[in-house]
Amino acid sequence: SAGGSMVHPHLQVHADRIGANHQRFLYDRALT
């Protein structure tokens, strides 16, 4: 119901050159 494809509990880890929407917006907002 939260989008999990596996019942076995786990965390997802992400690293990318291109920021997601929240990352780009919050980065700019915090810097301002």
PDB file of all heavy atoms in Angstrom:
ATOM      1  N   SER A   1       0.824  -1.212   0.000  1.00  0.00           N
ATOM      2  CA  SER A   1       0.000   0.000   0.000  1.00  0.00           C
ATOM      3  C   SER A   1       0.856   1.258   0.000  1.00  0.00           C
ATOM      4  O   SER A   1       0.383   2.329  -0.377  1.00  0.00           O
ATOM      5  CB  SER A   1      -0.932   0.009   1.214  1.00  0.00           C
ATOM      6  OG  SER A   1      -0.180   0.013   2.419  1.00  0.00           O
ATOM      7  N   ALA A   2       2.120   1.135   0.428  1.00  0.00           N
ATOM      8  CA  ALA A   2       3.054   2.263   0.402  1.00  0.00           C
ATOM      9  C   ALA A   2       3.943   2.226  -0.837  1.00  0.00           C
ATOM     10  O   ALA A   2       4.873   3.019  -0.956  1.00  0.00           O
ATOM     11  CB  ALA A   2       3.928   2.248   1.658  1.00  0.00           C
ATOM     12  N   GLY A   3       3.669   1.301  -1.752  1.00  0.00           N
ATOM     13  CA  GLY A   3       4.452   1.196  -2.977  1.00  0.00           C
ATOM     14  C   GLY A   3       5.505   0.115  -2.941  1.00  0.00           C
ATOM     15  O   GLY A   3       6.271  -0.039  -3.898  1.00  0.00           O
ATOM     16  N   GLY A   4       5.578  -0.647  -1.839  1.00  0.00           N
ATOM     17  CA  GLY A   4       6.589  -1.697  -1.726  1.00  0.00           C
ATOM     18  C   GLY A   4       6.255  -2.895  -2.594  1.00  0.00           C
ATOM     19  O   GLY A   4       5.127  -3.394  -2.564  1.00  0.00           O
ATOM     20  N   SER A   5       7.226  -3.352  -3.363  1.00  0.00           N
ATOM     21  CA  SER A   5       7.007  -4.528  -4.204  1.00  0.00           C
ATOM     22  C   SER A   5       7.371  -5.820  -3.472  1.00  0.00           C
ATOM     23  O   SER A   5       7.017  -6.901  -3.931  1.00  0.00           O
ATOM     24  CB  SER A   5       7.840  -4.423  -5.487  1.00  0.00           C
ATOM     25  OG  SER A   5       9.218  -4.303  -5.184  1.00  0.00           O
ATOM     26  N   MET A   6       8.084  -5.681  -2.332  1.00  0.00           N
ATOM     27  CA  MET A   6       8.511  -6.846  -1.557  1.00  0.00           C
ATOM     28  C   MET A   6       8.055  -6.669  -0.115  1.00  0.00           C
ATOM     29  O   MET A   6       8.184  -5.589   0.464  1.00  0.00           O
ATOM     30  CB  MET A   6      10.041  -6.989  -1.585  1.00  0.00           C
ATOM     31  CG  MET A   6      10.638  -7.050  -2.972  1.00  0.00           C
ATOM     32  SD  MET A   6      10.236  -8.578  -3.839  1.00  0.00           S
ATOM     33  CE  MET A   6      11.085  -9.762  -2.820  1.00  0.00           C
ATOM     34  N   VAL A   7       7.536  -7.746   0.474  1.00  0.00           N
ATOM     35  CA  VAL A   7       7.153  -7.717   1.885  1.00  0.00           C
ATOM     36  C   VAL A   7       8.390  -7.661   2.779  1.00  0.00           C
ATOM     37  O   VAL A   7       8.386  -6.995   3.821  1.00  0.00           O
ATOM     38  CB  VAL A   7       6.275  -8.943   2.233  1.00  0.00           C
ATOM     39  CG1 VAL A   7       6.100  -9.088   3.736  1.00  0.00           C
ATOM     40  CG2 VAL A   7       4.912  -8.795   1.559  1.00  0.00           C
ATOM     41  N   HIS A   8       9.462  -8.343   2.354  1.00  0.00           N
ATOM     42  CA  HIS A   8      10.701  -8.374   3.128  1.00  0.00           C
ATOM     43  C   HIS A   8      11.198  -6.931   3.330  1.00  0.00           C
ATOM     44  O   HIS A   8      11.485  -6.220   2.364  1.00  0.00           O
ATOM     45  CB  HIS A   8      11.755  -9.190   2.384  1.00  0.00           C
ATOM     46  CG  HIS A   8      12.917  -9.593   3.232  1.00  0.00           C
ATOM     47  ND1 HIS A   8      13.310 -10.911   3.381  1.00  0.00           N
ATOM     48  CD2 HIS A   8      13.786  -8.863   3.975  1.00  0.00           C
ATOM     49  CE1 HIS A   8      14.370 -10.962   4.171  1.00  0.00           C
ATOM     50  NE2 HIS A   8      14.669  -9.725   4.548  1.00  0.00           N
ATOM     51  N   PRO A   9      11.313  -6.443   4.578  1.00  0.00           N
ATOM     52  CA  PRO A   9      11.622  -5.024   4.807  1.00  0.00           C
ATOM     53  C   PRO A   9      13.015  -4.638   4.336  1.00  0.00           C
ATOM     54  O   PRO A   9      13.989  -5.378   4.530  1.00  0.00           O
ATOM     55  CB  PRO A   9      11.489  -4.867   6.324  1.00  0.00           C
ATOM     56  CG  PRO A   9      11.641  -6.239   6.872  1.00  0.00           C
ATOM     57  CD  PRO A   9      11.124  -7.184   5.840  1.00  0.00           C
ATOM     58  N   HIS A  10      13.098  -3.467   3.731  1.00  0.00           N
ATOM     59  CA  HIS A  10      14.367  -2.982   3.198  1.00  0.00           C
ATOM     60  C   HIS A  10      14.284  -1.477   2.971  1.00  0.00           C
ATOM     61  O   HIS A  10      13.200  -0.898   2.931  1.00  0.00           O
ATOM     62  CB  HIS A  10      14.699  -3.677   1.872  1.00  0.00           C
ATOM     63  CG  HIS A  10      13.668  -3.493   0.807  1.00  0.00           C
ATOM     64  ND1 HIS A  10      12.485  -4.205   0.780  1.00  0.00           N
ATOM     65  CD2 HIS A  10      13.620  -2.650  -0.256  1.00  0.00           C
ATOM     66  CE1 HIS A  10      11.761  -3.823  -0.262  1.00  0.00           C
ATOM     67  NE2 HIS A  10      12.424  -2.869  -0.903  1.00  0.00           N
ATOM     68  N   LEU A  11      15.437  -0.852   2.844  1.00  0.00           N
ATOM     69  CA  LEU A  11      15.535   0.544   2.453  1.00  0.00           C
ATOM     70  C   LEU A  11      16.010   0.625   1.014  1.00  0.00           C
ATOM     71  O   LEU A  11      16.732  -0.266   0.546  1.00  0.00           O
ATOM     72  CB  LEU A  11      16.520   1.300   3.348  1.00  0.00           C
ATOM     73  CG  LEU A  11      16.188   1.398   4.837  1.00  0.00           C
ATOM     74  CD1 LEU A  11      17.305   2.120   5.580  1.00  0.00           C
ATOM     75  CD2 LEU A  11      14.862   2.106   5.061  1.00  0.00           C
ATOM     76  N   GLN A  12      15.629   1.691   0.316  1.00  0.00           N
ATOM     77  CA  GLN A  12      16.178   1.979  -1.005  1.00  0.00           C
ATOM     78  C   GLN A  12      17.204   3.098  -0.865  1.00  0.00           C
ATOM     79  O   GLN A  12      17.004   4.031  -0.084  1.00  0.00           O
ATOM     80  CB  GLN A  12      15.097   2.408  -1.997  1.00  0.00           C
ATOM     81  CG  GLN A  12      14.050   1.350  -2.297  1.00  0.00           C
ATOM     82  CD  GLN A  12      12.895   1.417  -1.340  1.00  0.00           C
ATOM     83  OE1 GLN A  12      12.622   2.451  -0.738  1.00  0.00           O
ATOM     84  NE2 GLN A  12      12.204   0.303  -1.171  1.00  0.00           N
ATOM     85  N   VAL A  13      18.276   3.008  -1.625  1.00  0.00           N
ATOM     86  CA  VAL A  13      19.337   4.009  -1.588  1.00  0.00           C
ATOM     87  C   VAL A  13      19.503   4.570  -2.998  1.00  0.00           C
ATOM     88  O   VAL A  13      19.512   3.802  -3.969  1.00  0.00           O
ATOM     89  CB  VAL A  13      20.672   3.411  -1.099  1.00  0.00           C
ATOM     90  CG1 VAL A  13      21.587   4.516  -0.602  1.00  0.00           C
ATOM     91  CG2 VAL A  13      20.448   2.371  -0.014  1.00  0.00           C
ATOM     92  N   HIS A  14      19.637   5.885  -3.107  1.00  0.00           N
ATOM     93  CA  HIS A  14      19.696   6.531  -4.411  1.00  0.00           C
ATOM     94  C   HIS A  14      20.846   7.541  -4.454  1.00  0.00           C
ATOM     95  O   HIS A  14      21.086   8.262  -3.479  1.00  0.00           O
ATOM     96  CB  HIS A  14      18.388   7.270  -4.706  1.00  0.00           C
ATOM     97  CG  HIS A  14      17.152   6.488  -4.399  1.00  0.00           C
ATOM     98  ND1 HIS A  14      16.598   5.584  -5.276  1.00  0.00           N
ATOM     99  CD2 HIS A  14      16.361   6.456  -3.296  1.00  0.00           C
ATOM    100  CE1 HIS A  14      15.522   5.037  -4.731  1.00  0.00           C
ATOM    101  NE2 HIS A  14      15.363   5.544  -3.533  1.00  0.00           N
ATOM    102  N   ALA A  15      21.528   7.595  -5.567  1.00  0.00           N
ATOM    103  CA  ALA A  15      22.519   8.651  -5.830  1.00  0.00           C
ATOM    104  C   ALA A  15      22.498   8.920  -7.325  1.00  0.00           C
ATOM    105  O   ALA A  15      22.527   7.988  -8.130  1.00  0.00           O
ATOM    106  CB  ALA A  15      23.913   8.219  -5.384  1.00  0.00           C
ATOM    107  N   ASP A  16      22.445  10.189  -7.687  1.00  0.00           N
ATOM    108  CA  ASP A  16      22.275  10.529  -9.104  1.00  0.00           C
ATOM    109  C   ASP A  16      22.889  11.894  -9.381  1.00  0.00           C
ATOM    110  O   ASP A  16      22.915  12.773  -8.505  1.00  0.00           O
ATOM    111  CB  ASP A  16      20.784  10.556  -9.453  1.00  0.00           C
ATOM    112  CG  ASP A  16      20.514  10.287 -10.923  1.00  0.00           C
ATOM    113  OD1 ASP A  16      21.321  10.744 -11.766  1.00  0.00           O
ATOM    114  OD2 ASP A  16      19.504   9.637 -11.236  1.00  0.00           O
ATOM    115  N   ARG A  17      23.357  12.061 -10.607  1.00  0.00           N
ATOM    116  CA  ARG A  17      23.852  13.359 -11.042  1.00  0.00           C
ATOM    117  C   ARG A  17      22.703  14.343 -11.212  1.00  0.00           C
ATOM    118  O   ARG A  17      22.847  15.545 -10.976  1.00  0.00           O
ATOM    119  CB  ARG A  17      24.602  13.195 -12.377  1.00  0.00           C
ATOM    120  CG  ARG A  17      25.120  14.503 -12.972  1.00  0.00           C
ATOM    121  CD  ARG A  17      25.867  14.230 -14.268  1.00  0.00           C
ATOM    122  NE  ARG A  17      25.030  13.549 -15.248  1.00  0.00           N
ATOM    123  CZ  ARG A  17      24.169  14.166 -16.063  1.00  0.00           C
ATOM    124  NH1 ARG A  17      24.030  15.494 -16.004  1.00  0.00           N
ATOM    125  NH2 ARG A  17      23.461  13.477 -16.933  1.00  0.00           N
ATOM    126  N   ILE A  18      21.534  13.824 -11.628  1.00  0.00           N
ATOM    127  CA  ILE A  18      20.355  14.657 -11.864  1.00  0.00           C
ATOM    128  C   ILE A  18      19.447  14.575 -10.639  1.00  0.00           C
ATOM    129  O   ILE A  18      19.021  13.497 -10.242  1.00  0.00           O
ATOM    130  CB  ILE A  18      19.606  14.188 -13.118  1.00  0.00           C
ATOM    131  CG1 ILE A  18      20.529  14.261 -14.340  1.00  0.00           C
ATOM    132  CG2 ILE A  18      18.344  15.028 -13.343  1.00  0.00           C
ATOM    133  CD1 ILE A  18      19.964  13.635 -15.577  1.00  0.00           C
ATOM    134  N   GLY A  19      19.136  15.720 -10.055  1.00  0.00           N
ATOM    135  CA  GLY A  19      18.313  15.740  -8.853  1.00  0.00           C
ATOM    136  C   GLY A  19      16.852  15.480  -9.144  1.00  0.00           C
ATOM    137  O   GLY A  19      16.332  15.821 -10.216  1.00  0.00           O
ATOM    138  N   ALA A  20      16.169  14.886  -8.165  1.00  0.00           N
ATOM    139  CA  ALA A  20      14.721  14.738  -8.237  1.00  0.00           C
ATOM    140  C   ALA A  20      14.075  16.098  -7.959  1.00  0.00           C
ATOM    141  O   ALA A  20      14.727  17.042  -7.500  1.00  0.00           O
ATOM    142  CB  ALA A  20      14.249  13.697  -7.223  1.00  0.00           C
ATOM    143  N   ASN A  21      12.783  16.201  -8.223  1.00  0.00           N
ATOM    144  CA  ASN A  21      12.090  17.486  -8.064  1.00  0.00           C
ATOM    145  C   ASN A  21      12.267  18.073  -6.667  1.00  0.00           C
ATOM    146  O   ASN A  21      12.572  19.253  -6.516  1.00  0.00           O
ATOM    147  CB  ASN A  21      10.596  17.316  -8.365  1.00  0.00           C
ATOM    148  CG  ASN A  21      10.333  17.120  -9.841  1.00  0.00           C
ATOM    149  OD1 ASN A  21      10.951  17.751 -10.684  1.00  0.00           O
ATOM    150  ND2 ASN A  21       9.413  16.226 -10.178  1.00  0.00           N
ATOM    151  N   HIS A  22      12.046  17.266  -5.625  1.00  0.00           N
ATOM    152  CA  HIS A  22      12.167  17.774  -4.267  1.00  0.00           C
ATOM    153  C   HIS A  22      13.594  18.216  -3.964  1.00  0.00           C
ATOM    154  O   HIS A  22      13.809  19.239  -3.304  1.00  0.00           O
ATOM    155  CB  HIS A  22      11.735  16.704  -3.265  1.00  0.00           C
ATOM    156  CG  HIS A  22      10.252  16.468  -3.219  1.00  0.00           C
ATOM    157  ND1 HIS A  22       9.344  17.354  -3.747  1.00  0.00           N
ATOM    158  CD2 HIS A  22       9.525  15.449  -2.698  1.00  0.00           C
ATOM    159  CE1 HIS A  22       8.121  16.893  -3.561  1.00  0.00           C
ATOM    160  NE2 HIS A  22       8.204  15.737  -2.924  1.00  0.00           N
ATOM    161  N   GLN A  23      14.564  17.456  -4.418  1.00  0.00           N
ATOM    162  CA  GLN A  23      15.956  17.824  -4.147  1.00  0.00           C
ATOM    163  C   GLN A  23      16.314  19.158  -4.775  1.00  0.00           C
ATOM    164  O   GLN A  23      16.921  20.025  -4.128  1.00  0.00           O
ATOM    165  CB  GLN A  23      16.890  16.721  -4.654  1.00  0.00           C
ATOM    166  CG  GLN A  23      16.844  15.469  -3.801  1.00  0.00           C
ATOM    167  CD  GLN A  23      17.497  14.282  -4.479  1.00  0.00           C
ATOM    168  OE1 GLN A  23      17.341  14.083  -5.686  1.00  0.00           O
ATOM    169  NE2 GLN A  23      18.230  13.489  -3.711  1.00  0.00           N
ATOM    170  N   ARG A  24      15.938  19.347  -6.029  1.00  0.00           N
ATOM    171  CA  ARG A  24      16.284  20.594  -6.719  1.00  0.00           C
ATOM    172  C   ARG A  24      15.559  21.793  -6.102  1.00  0.00           C
ATOM    173  O   ARG A  24      16.160  22.843  -5.866  1.00  0.00           O
ATOM    174  CB  ARG A  24      15.960  20.472  -8.212  1.00  0.00           C
ATOM    175  CG  ARG A  24      16.898  19.519  -8.955  1.00  0.00           C
ATOM    176  CD  ARG A  24      16.638  19.469 -10.451  1.00  0.00           C
ATOM    177  NE  ARG A  24      15.457  18.684 -10.781  1.00  0.00           N
ATOM    178  CZ  ARG A  24      14.297  19.180 -11.181  1.00  0.00           C
ATOM    179  NH1 ARG A  24      14.151  20.493 -11.318  1.00  0.00           N
ATOM    180  NH2 ARG A  24      13.289  18.391 -11.465  1.00  0.00           N
ATOM    181  N   PHE A  25      14.277  21.628  -5.810  1.00  0.00           N
ATOM    182  CA  PHE A  25      13.516  22.732  -5.237  1.00  0.00           C
ATOM    183  C   PHE A  25      14.028  23.089  -3.845  1.00  0.00           C
ATOM    184  O   PHE A  25      14.265  24.268  -3.535  1.00  0.00           O
ATOM    185  CB  PHE A  25      12.029  22.382  -5.165  1.00  0.00           C
ATOM    186  CG  PHE A  25      11.228  23.385  -4.388  1.00  0.00           C
ATOM    187  CD1 PHE A  25      10.823  24.575  -4.974  1.00  0.00           C
ATOM    188  CD2 PHE A  25      10.905  23.152  -3.058  1.00  0.00           C
ATOM    189  CE1 PHE A  25      10.103  25.513  -4.252  1.00  0.00           C
ATOM    190  CE2 PHE A  25      10.188  24.087  -2.326  1.00  0.00           C
ATOM    191  CZ  PHE A  25       9.787  25.267  -2.928  1.00  0.00           C
ATOM    192  N   LEU A  26      14.196  22.083  -2.982  1.00  0.00           N
ATOM    193  CA  LEU A  26      14.609  22.354  -1.607  1.00  0.00           C
ATOM    194  C   LEU A  26      16.026  22.904  -1.540  1.00  0.00           C
ATOM    195  O   LEU A  26      16.337  23.746  -0.693  1.00  0.00           O
ATOM    196  CB  LEU A  26      14.484  21.088  -0.761  1.00  0.00           C
ATOM    197  CG  LEU A  26      13.053  20.624  -0.487  1.00  0.00           C
ATOM    198  CD1 LEU A  26      13.063  19.272   0.201  1.00  0.00           C
ATOM    199  CD2 LEU A  26      12.295  21.655   0.355  1.00  0.00           C
ATOM    200  N   TYR A  27      16.901  22.426  -2.425  1.00  0.00           N
ATOM    201  CA  TYR A  27      18.266  22.949  -2.470  1.00  0.00           C
ATOM    202  C   TYR A  27      18.246  24.448  -2.750  1.00  0.00           C
ATOM    203  O   TYR A  27      18.909  25.238  -2.057  1.00  0.00           O
ATOM    204  CB  TYR A  27      19.060  22.209  -3.545  1.00  0.00           C
ATOM    205  CG  TYR A  27      20.481  22.709  -3.713  1.00  0.00           C
ATOM    206  CD1 TYR A  27      21.510  22.199  -2.927  1.00  0.00           C
ATOM    207  CD2 TYR A  27      20.793  23.684  -4.650  1.00  0.00           C
ATOM    208  CE1 TYR A  27      22.815  22.655  -3.068  1.00  0.00           C
ATOM    209  CE2 TYR A  27      22.086  24.154  -4.800  1.00  0.00           C
ATOM    210  CZ  TYR A  27      23.093  23.630  -4.014  1.00  0.00           C
ATOM    211  OH  TYR A  27      24.377  24.095  -4.154  1.00  0.00           O
ATOM    212  N   ASP A  28      17.485  24.864  -3.760  1.00  0.00           N
ATOM    213  CA  ASP A  28      17.394  26.277  -4.115  1.00  0.00           C
ATOM    214  C   ASP A  28      16.735  27.090  -3.002  1.00  0.00           C
ATOM    215  O   ASP A  28      17.168  28.206  -2.683  1.00  0.00           O
ATOM    216  CB  ASP A  28      16.601  26.456  -5.413  1.00  0.00           C
ATOM    217  CG  ASP A  28      17.357  25.951  -6.633  1.00  0.00           C
ATOM    218  OD1 ASP A  28      18.586  25.770  -6.542  1.00  0.00           O
ATOM    219  OD2 ASP A  28      16.707  25.728  -7.678  1.00  0.00           O
ATOM    220  N   ARG A  29      15.689  26.535  -2.408  1.00  0.00           N
ATOM    221  CA  ARG A  29      14.959  27.247  -1.340  1.00  0.00           C
ATOM    222  C   ARG A  29      15.869  27.460  -0.132  1.00  0.00           C
ATOM    223  O   ARG A  29      15.901  28.555   0.445  1.00  0.00           O
ATOM    224  CB  ARG A  29      13.739  26.410  -0.953  1.00  0.00           C
ATOM    225  CG  ARG A  29      12.807  27.085   0.027  1.00  0.00           C
ATOM    226  CD  ARG A  29      11.961  28.134  -0.632  1.00  0.00           C
ATOM    227  NE  ARG A  29      10.971  28.627   0.307  1.00  0.00           N
ATOM    228  CZ  ARG A  29      11.205  29.578   1.217  1.00  0.00           C
ATOM    229  NH1 ARG A  29      12.396  30.128   1.286  1.00  0.00           N
ATOM    230  NH2 ARG A  29      10.246  29.978   2.029  1.00  0.00           N
ATOM    231  N   ALA A  30      16.616  26.416   0.253  1.00  0.00           N
ATOM    232  CA  ALA A  30      17.505  26.525   1.410  1.00  0.00           C
ATOM    233  C   ALA A  30      18.655  27.479   1.137  1.00  0.00           C
ATOM    234  O   ALA A  30      19.069  28.243   2.021  1.00  0.00           O
ATOM    235  CB  ALA A  30      18.040  25.145   1.785  1.00  0.00           C
ATOM    236  N   LEU A  31      19.170  27.463  -0.094  1.00  0.00           N
ATOM    237  CA  LEU A  31      20.280  28.338  -0.443  1.00  0.00           C
ATOM    238  C   LEU A  31      19.839  29.801  -0.423  1.00  0.00           C
ATOM    239  O   LEU A  31      20.574  30.677   0.067  1.00  0.00           O
ATOM    240  CB  LEU A  31      20.835  27.968  -1.815  1.00  0.00           C
ATOM    241  CG  LEU A  31      22.107  28.708  -2.254  1.00  0.00           C
ATOM    242  CD1 LEU A  31      23.250  28.468  -1.276  1.00  0.00           C
ATOM    243  CD2 LEU A  31      22.508  28.267  -3.664  1.00  0.00           C
ATOM    244  N   THR A  32      18.638  30.079  -0.932  1.00  0.00           N
ATOM    245  CA  THR A  32      18.109  31.442  -0.909  1.00  0.00           C
ATOM    246  C   THR A  32      17.964  31.948   0.521  1.00  0.00           C
ATOM    247  O   THR A  32      18.304  33.094   0.841  1.00  0.00           O
ATOM    248  CB  THR A  32      16.757  31.501  -1.636  1.00  0.00           C
ATOM    249  OG1 THR A  32      16.933  31.108  -3.003  1.00  0.00           O
ATOM    250  CG2 THR A  32      16.161  32.895  -1.589  1.00  0.00           C
TER     251      THR A  32
END
